[in-house]
Amino acid sequence: RSLFECNKVLPKAPGGECALPEAAFWLLLTGEVPTDSEVQQLTQELHARSAVPQNVLATLASLPKETHPMTQLSVCMLALQKDSKFTAGYQGGMKKNEY
């Protein structure tokens, strides 16, 4: 499907003309066009997981202002490792093939 075709079929915000980002994300992950209810549930789940740990904010603040946004994203994604459930599992003896 083209972007134009996807925009036509994906759920939109009330009164909106463009597909919701969460709807596009759902389509990319599943290959299926989500229902309005599925998009609302995904949005709620993303909001519930939206807290940014303080160490990540401090890391971001420490970068030079002229740092490219993709570099900032990469550095902050790596800084999230400290609180990773996978890291905790590995430290507890979990093997990679067990997740």
C-alpha atoms as a PDB file:
ATOM      1  CA  ARG A   1       0.000   0.000   0.000  1.00  0.00           C
ATOM      2  CA  SER A   2       1.100   3.543  -0.673  1.00  0.00           C
ATOM      3  CA  LEU A   3       1.103   6.240   2.025  1.00  0.00           C
ATOM      4  CA  PHE A   4      -1.914   7.783   0.312  1.00  0.00           C
ATOM      5  CA  GLU A   5      -3.796   4.465   0.443  1.00  0.00           C
ATOM      6  CA  CYS A   6      -2.846   3.918   4.086  1.00  0.00           C
ATOM      7  CA  ASN A   7      -4.030   7.399   5.034  1.00  0.00           C
ATOM      8  CA  LYS A   8      -7.404   6.640   3.486  1.00  0.00           C
ATOM      9  CA  VAL A   9      -8.011   3.448   5.505  1.00  0.00           C
ATOM     10  CA  LEU A  10      -6.318   4.071   8.844  1.00  0.00           C
ATOM     11  CA  PRO A  11      -8.222   5.553  11.812  1.00  0.00           C
ATOM     12  CA  LYS A  12      -8.026   9.313  12.263  1.00  0.00           C
ATOM     13  CA  ALA A  13      -8.604  11.657  15.173  1.00  0.00           C
ATOM     14  CA  PRO A  14     -12.160  13.016  15.376  1.00  0.00           C
ATOM     15  CA  GLY A  15     -12.450  15.659  12.670  1.00  0.00           C
ATOM     16  CA  GLY A  16      -8.948  14.851  11.413  1.00  0.00           C
ATOM     17  CA  GLU A  17      -7.855  14.170   7.862  1.00  0.00           C
ATOM     18  CA  CYS A  18      -4.565  12.361   8.534  1.00  0.00           C
ATOM     19  CA  ALA A  19      -4.145   8.881   9.967  1.00  0.00           C
ATOM     20  CA  LEU A  20      -3.067   8.673  13.581  1.00  0.00           C
ATOM     21  CA  PRO A  21       0.614   7.769  14.091  1.00  0.00           C
ATOM     22  CA  GLU A  22      -0.422   4.940  16.402  1.00  0.00           C
ATOM     23  CA  ALA A  23      -2.579   3.492  13.608  1.00  0.00           C
ATOM     24  CA  ALA A  24       0.372   3.541  11.220  1.00  0.00           C
ATOM     25  CA  PHE A  25       2.582   1.929  13.874  1.00  0.00           C
ATOM     26  CA  TRP A  26      -0.017  -0.830  14.372  1.00  0.00           C
ATOM     27  CA  LEU A  27      -0.130  -1.436  10.623  1.00  0.00           C
ATOM     28  CA  LEU A  28       3.682  -1.666  10.460  1.00  0.00           C
ATOM     29  CA  LEU A  29       3.811  -4.132  13.347  1.00  0.00           C
ATOM     30  CA  THR A  30       0.909  -6.371  12.384  1.00  0.00           C
ATOM     31  CA  GLY A  31       0.186  -5.818   8.698  1.00  0.00           C
ATOM     32  CA  GLU A  32      -3.450  -5.212   9.686  1.00  0.00           C
ATOM     33  CA  VAL A  33      -5.531  -2.039   9.683  1.00  0.00           C
ATOM     34  CA  PRO A  34      -6.462  -1.414  13.334  1.00  0.00           C
ATOM     35  CA  THR A  35      -9.921  -0.621  14.606  1.00  0.00           C
ATOM     36  CA  ASP A  36     -10.573   2.632  16.450  1.00  0.00           C
ATOM     37  CA  SER A  37     -10.656   0.631  19.692  1.00  0.00           C
ATOM     38  CA  GLU A  38      -7.281  -0.987  18.993  1.00  0.00           C
ATOM     39  CA  VAL A  39      -5.728   2.409  18.291  1.00  0.00           C
ATOM     40  CA  GLN A  40      -7.180   3.811  21.524  1.00  0.00           C
ATOM     41  CA  GLN A  41      -5.797   0.855  23.498  1.00  0.00           C
ATOM     42  CA  LEU A  42      -2.368   1.235  21.888  1.00  0.00           C
ATOM     43  CA  THR A  43      -2.376   4.968  22.637  1.00  0.00           C
ATOM     44  CA  GLN A  44      -3.218   4.269  26.286  1.00  0.00           C
ATOM     45  CA  GLU A  45      -0.448   1.660  26.495  1.00  0.00           C
ATOM     46  CA  LEU A  46       2.114   4.035  24.985  1.00  0.00           C
ATOM     47  CA  HIS A  47       1.076   6.812  27.367  1.00  0.00           C
ATOM     48  CA  ALA A  48       1.378   4.423  30.326  1.00  0.00           C
ATOM     49  CA  ARG A  49       4.953   3.674  29.252  1.00  0.00           C
ATOM     50  CA  SER A  50       5.959   7.256  28.471  1.00  0.00           C
ATOM     51  CA  ALA A  51       7.899   8.115  31.628  1.00  0.00           C
ATOM     52  CA  VAL A  52      11.527   8.988  30.873  1.00  0.00           C
ATOM     53  CA  PRO A  53      13.977   8.012  33.632  1.00  0.00           C
ATOM     54  CA  GLN A  54      15.878  10.896  35.204  1.00  0.00           C
ATOM     55  CA  ASN A  55      19.253   9.498  34.152  1.00  0.00           C
ATOM     56  CA  VAL A  56      18.156   9.626  30.506  1.00  0.00           C
ATOM     57  CA  LEU A  57      17.028  13.248  30.835  1.00  0.00           C
ATOM     58  CA  ALA A  58      20.354  14.097  32.487  1.00  0.00           C
ATOM     59  CA  THR A  59      22.222  12.348  29.678  1.00  0.00           C
ATOM     60  CA  LEU A  60      20.264  14.297  27.075  1.00  0.00           C
ATOM     61  CA  ALA A  61      20.889  17.589  28.901  1.00  0.00           C
ATOM     62  CA  SER A  62      24.625  16.872  28.984  1.00  0.00           C
ATOM     63  CA  LEU A  63      24.938  16.604  25.192  1.00  0.00           C
ATOM     64  CA  PRO A  64      26.165  19.633  23.250  1.00  0.00           C
ATOM     65  CA  LYS A  65      23.278  21.672  21.814  1.00  0.00           C
ATOM     66  CA  GLU A  66      24.513  21.118  18.250  1.00  0.00           C
ATOM     67  CA  THR A  67      24.360  17.308  18.573  1.00  0.00           C
ATOM     68  CA  HIS A  68      22.338  15.853  15.714  1.00  0.00           C
ATOM     69  CA  PRO A  69      18.830  14.715  16.806  1.00  0.00           C
ATOM     70  CA  MET A  70      19.435  11.130  15.654  1.00  0.00           C
ATOM     71  CA  THR A  71      22.625  11.020  17.728  1.00  0.00           C
ATOM     72  CA  GLN A  72      20.661  12.335  20.707  1.00  0.00           C
ATOM     73  CA  LEU A  73      18.052   9.600  20.173  1.00  0.00           C
ATOM     74  CA  SER A  74      20.738   6.906  19.920  1.00  0.00           C
ATOM     75  CA  VAL A  75      22.532   8.045  23.067  1.00  0.00           C
ATOM     76  CA  CYS A  76      19.289   8.224  25.044  1.00  0.00           C
ATOM     77  CA  MET A  77      18.156   4.795  23.830  1.00  0.00           C
ATOM     78  CA  LEU A  78      21.450   3.368  25.082  1.00  0.00           C
ATOM     79  CA  ALA A  79      21.007   5.183  28.412  1.00  0.00           C
ATOM     80  CA  LEU A  80      17.700   3.314  28.887  1.00  0.00           C
ATOM     81  CA  GLN A  81      19.662   0.059  29.263  1.00  0.00           C
ATOM     82  CA  LYS A  82      20.199   0.741  32.972  1.00  0.00           C
ATOM     83  CA  ASP A  83      16.480   0.151  33.653  1.00  0.00           C
ATOM     84  CA  SER A  84      15.994  -2.604  31.062  1.00  0.00           C
ATOM     85  CA  LYS A  85      13.934  -5.632  32.081  1.00  0.00           C
ATOM     86  CA  PHE A  86      16.194  -7.685  29.818  1.00  0.00           C
ATOM     87  CA  THR A  87      19.298  -6.484  31.662  1.00  0.00           C
ATOM     88  CA  ALA A  88      17.714  -7.454  34.970  1.00  0.00           C
ATOM     89  CA  GLY A  89      16.807 -10.845  33.520  1.00  0.00           C
ATOM     90  CA  TYR A  90      20.311 -11.449  32.165  1.00  0.00           C
ATOM     91  CA  GLN A  91      21.807 -10.487  35.518  1.00  0.00           C
ATOM     92  CA  GLY A  92      19.402 -12.964  37.122  1.00  0.00           C
ATOM     93  CA  GLY A  93      20.653 -15.758  34.874  1.00  0.00           C
ATOM     94  CA  MET A  94      18.136 -15.613  32.020  1.00  0.00           C
ATOM     95  CA  LYS A  95      19.507 -16.823  28.697  1.00  0.00           C
ATOM     96  CA  LYS A  96      18.792 -14.831  25.525  1.00  0.00           C
ATOM     97  CA  ASN A  97      16.830 -17.733  24.044  1.00  0.00           C
ATOM     98  CA  GLU A  98      14.439 -17.654  27.031  1.00  0.00           C
ATOM     99  CA  TYR A  99      12.792 -14.358  26.183  1.00  0.00           C
END
